C-alpha atoms as a PDB file:
ATOM      1  CA  MET A   1      98.696  92.302 150.467  1.00  0.00           C
ATOM      2  CA  PRO A   2     100.619  89.325 151.956  1.00  0.00           C
ATOM      3  CA  PHE A   3      97.416  88.221 153.672  1.00  0.00           C
ATOM      4  CA  ILE A   4      95.730  87.657 150.301  1.00  0.00           C
ATOM      5  CA  GLN A   5      98.718  85.669 149.027  1.00  0.00           C
ATOM      6  CA  TYR A   6      98.595  83.430 152.099  1.00  0.00           C
ATOM      7  CA  PHE A   7      94.836  83.082 151.665  1.00  0.00           C
ATOM      8  CA  TYR A   8      95.323  81.792 148.113  1.00  0.00           C
ATOM      9  CA  VAL A   9      97.780  79.165 149.340  1.00  0.00           C
ATOM     10  CA  PHE A  10      95.291  77.856 151.895  1.00  0.00           C
ATOM     11  CA  LEU A  11      92.415  78.075 149.390  1.00  0.00           C
ATOM     12  CA  TRP A  12      94.286  75.934 146.837  1.00  0.00           C
ATOM     13  CA  ALA A  13      95.268  73.478 149.580  1.00  0.00           C
ATOM     14  CA  ALA A  14      91.648  73.152 150.744  1.00  0.00           C
ATOM     15  CA  LEU A  15      90.500  72.531 147.177  1.00  0.00           C
ATOM     16  CA  ALA A  16      93.228  69.894 146.716  1.00  0.00           C
ATOM     17  CA  VAL A  17      92.099  68.023 149.834  1.00  0.00           C
ATOM     18  CA  LEU A  18      88.435  68.324 148.874  1.00  0.00           C
ATOM     19  CA  CYS A  19      89.051  67.029 145.347  1.00  0.00           C
ATOM     20  CA  PHE A  20      91.111  64.167 146.723  1.00  0.00           C
ATOM     21  CA  LEU A  21      88.252  63.135 149.000  1.00  0.00           C
ATOM     22  CA  ILE A  22      85.746  63.464 146.168  1.00  0.00           C
ATOM     23  CA  GLY A  23      88.211  61.759 143.825  1.00  0.00           C
ATOM     24  CA  ARG A  24      87.442  58.414 145.406  1.00  0.00           C
ATOM     25  CA  ARG A  25      83.992  58.639 143.880  1.00  0.00           C
ATOM     26  CA  GLN A  26      84.889  60.546 140.689  1.00  0.00           C
ATOM     27  CA  GLY A  27      87.856  58.394 139.744  1.00  0.00           C
ATOM     28  CA  LEU A  28      90.731  59.653 137.646  1.00  0.00           C
ATOM     29  CA  THR A  29      89.223  63.082 136.992  1.00  0.00           C
ATOM     30  CA  GLY A  30      88.922  63.853 140.703  1.00  0.00           C
ATOM     31  CA  TYR A  31      92.470  62.765 141.397  1.00  0.00           C
ATOM     32  CA  LEU A  32      93.840  64.830 138.499  1.00  0.00           C
ATOM     33  CA  LEU A  33      91.969  67.893 139.733  1.00  0.00           C
ATOM     34  CA  SER A  34      93.418  67.242 143.183  1.00  0.00           C
ATOM     35  CA  LEU A  35      96.890  67.077 141.659  1.00  0.00           C
ATOM     36  CA  PHE A  36      96.230  70.334 139.820  1.00  0.00           C
ATOM     37  CA  PHE A  37      95.161  72.110 143.008  1.00  0.00           C
ATOM     38  CA  ALA A  38      98.200  70.702 144.816  1.00  0.00           C
ATOM     39  CA  PHE A  39     100.363  72.184 142.053  1.00  0.00           C
ATOM     40  CA  MET A  40      98.609  75.533 142.497  1.00  0.00           C
ATOM     41  CA  THR A  41      99.197  75.319 146.268  1.00  0.00           C
ATOM     42  CA  VAL A  42     102.932  74.809 145.774  1.00  0.00           C
ATOM     43  CA  TRP A  43     103.146  77.483 143.080  1.00  0.00           C
ATOM     44  CA  TYR A  44     101.366  80.132 145.129  1.00  0.00           C
ATOM     45  CA  GLY A  45     103.303  79.001 148.219  1.00  0.00           C
ATOM     46  CA  LEU A  46     106.573  79.672 146.401  1.00  0.00           C
ATOM     47  CA  ARG A  47     105.331  83.168 145.717  1.00  0.00           C
ATOM     48  CA  ALA A  48     103.849  83.893 149.147  1.00  0.00           C
ATOM     49  CA  PHE A  49     106.427  82.282 151.425  1.00  0.00           C
ATOM     50  CA  GLY A  50     109.524  82.176 149.227  1.00  0.00           C
ATOM     51  CA  GLY A  51     109.102  85.494 147.444  1.00  0.00           C
ATOM     52  CA  LEU A  52     109.933  83.960 144.063  1.00  0.00           C
ATOM     53  CA  PRO A  53     108.601  85.745 140.954  1.00  0.00           C
ATOM     54  CA  VAL A  54     106.699  82.678 139.732  1.00  0.00           C
ATOM     55  CA  PHE A  55     104.476  84.584 137.285  1.00  0.00           C
ATOM     56  CA  ASP A  56     107.292  86.449 135.519  1.00  0.00           C
ATOM     57  CA  GLY A  57     109.786  85.326 132.906  1.00  0.00           C
ATOM     58  CA  VAL A  58     110.522  81.651 132.370  1.00  0.00           C
ATOM     59  CA  LEU A  59     108.577  80.534 135.438  1.00  0.00           C
ATOM     60  CA  GLY A  60     105.518  82.340 134.086  1.00  0.00           C
ATOM     61  CA  HIS A  61     105.809  80.424 130.821  1.00  0.00           C
ATOM     62  CA  VAL A  62     106.200  77.147 132.725  1.00  0.00           C
ATOM     63  CA  PHE A  63     103.094  77.998 134.747  1.00  0.00           C
ATOM     64  CA  ARG A  64     101.051  78.706 131.602  1.00  0.00           C
ATOM     65  CA  GLY A  65     102.302  75.510 129.963  1.00  0.00           C
ATOM     66  CA  VAL A  66     101.311  73.399 132.956  1.00  0.00           C
ATOM     67  CA  LEU A  67      97.870  75.042 133.000  1.00  0.00           C
ATOM     68  CA  ILE A  68      97.341  74.287 129.309  1.00  0.00           C
ATOM     69  CA  VAL A  69      98.416  70.653 129.713  1.00  0.00           C
ATOM     70  CA  PHE A  70      96.098  70.134 132.690  1.00  0.00           C
ATOM     71  CA  LEU A  71      93.228  71.760 130.812  1.00  0.00           C
ATOM     72  CA  LEU A  72      93.726  69.564 127.748  1.00  0.00           C
ATOM     73  CA  VAL A  73      94.007  66.377 129.824  1.00  0.00           C
ATOM     74  CA  ILE A  74      90.890  67.144 131.876  1.00  0.00           C
ATOM     75  CA  VAL A  75      88.853  68.039 128.773  1.00  0.00           C
ATOM     76  CA  PHE A  76      90.019  64.832 127.039  1.00  0.00           C
ATOM     77  CA  ILE A  77      89.052  62.669 130.016  1.00  0.00           C
ATOM     78  CA  TRP A  78      85.688  64.432 130.316  1.00  0.00           C
ATOM     79  CA  TYR A  79      84.982  63.993 126.582  1.00  0.00           C
ATOM     80  CA  ARG A  80      85.952  60.321 126.631  1.00  0.00           C
ATOM     81  CA  GLY A  81      83.723  59.667 129.645  1.00  0.00           C
ATOM     82  CA  ARG A  82      80.818  61.552 128.111  1.00  0.00           C
ATOM     83  CA  LYS A  83      81.167  59.665 124.838  1.00  0.00           C
ATOM     84  CA  ALA A  84      81.261  56.315 126.646  1.00  0.00           C
ATOM     85  CA  ARG A  85      78.228  57.262 128.751  1.00  0.00           C
ATOM     86  CA  LEU A  86      76.217  58.315 125.680  1.00  0.00           C
ATOM     87  CA  SER A  87      77.103  55.150 123.776  1.00  0.00           C
ATOM     88  CA  SER A  88      76.086  52.968 126.732  1.00  0.00           C
ATOM     89  CA  GLU A  89      72.763  54.839 126.988  1.00  0.00           C
ATOM     90  CA  ASN A  90      72.082  54.261 123.293  1.00  0.00           C
ATOM     91  CA  LYS A  91      72.715  50.528 123.660  1.00  0.00           C
ATOM     92  CA  THR A  92      70.443  50.080 126.657  1.00  0.00           C
ATOM     93  CA  VAL A  93      67.378  51.867 125.247  1.00  0.00           C
ATOM     94  CA  PRO A  94      64.878  49.344 123.861  1.00  0.00           C
ATOM     95  CA  HIS A  95      63.480  50.179 120.452  1.00  0.00           C
ATOM     96  CA  ALA A  96      60.165  49.114 118.939  1.00  0.00           C
ATOM     97  CA  GLU A  97      59.977  46.938 115.851  1.00  0.00           C
ATOM     98  CA  ASP A  98      58.787  49.831 113.687  1.00  0.00           C
ATOM     99  CA  CYS A  99      61.488  52.251 114.923  1.00  0.00           C
ATOM    100  CA  HIS A 100      63.131  54.294 112.179  1.00  0.00           C
ATOM    101  CA  CYS A 101      65.980  55.901 114.128  1.00  0.00           C
ATOM    102  CA  GLU A 102      69.475  55.926 112.681  1.00  0.00           C
ATOM    103  CA  HIS A 103      70.687  53.205 115.059  1.00  0.00           C
ATOM    104  CA  CYS A 104      67.885  50.807 114.136  1.00  0.00           C
ATOM    105  CA  GLU A 105      68.143  51.502 110.418  1.00  0.00           C
ATOM    106  CA  ASP A 106      71.874  50.694 110.496  1.00  0.00           C
ATOM    107  CA  GLY A 107      71.131  47.458 112.371  1.00  0.00           C
ATOM    108  CA  ARG A 108      68.576  46.362 109.790  1.00  0.00           C
ATOM    109  CA  GLU A 109      70.972  47.003 106.916  1.00  0.00           C
ATOM    110  CA  GLU A 110      73.613  44.756 108.538  1.00  0.00           C
ATOM    111  CA  ASN A 111      71.143  41.870 108.881  1.00  0.00           C
END
């Protein structure tokens, strides 16, 4: 059983390094995922090498809280990026003079 615990530590560490390297291209999201995997490496390392009960009691609640915060932050950043990407795609698409889409109709009403 200790072998699996040590494996998890090295797995989380490998994912942290990989996300950090990819984070240069992905920006903030990649770096936050790298930070998350680094947190998981330390957390599982405390369990595997230190023998601390990190999933029980108060430490278990702290672990769940950190997971929820990371999830909410990553989803917020993803949603904001997706929204910005969709709005930039809508602005760059040329429309014909007789277009009756919602975007063009709103533009005609303003003029």
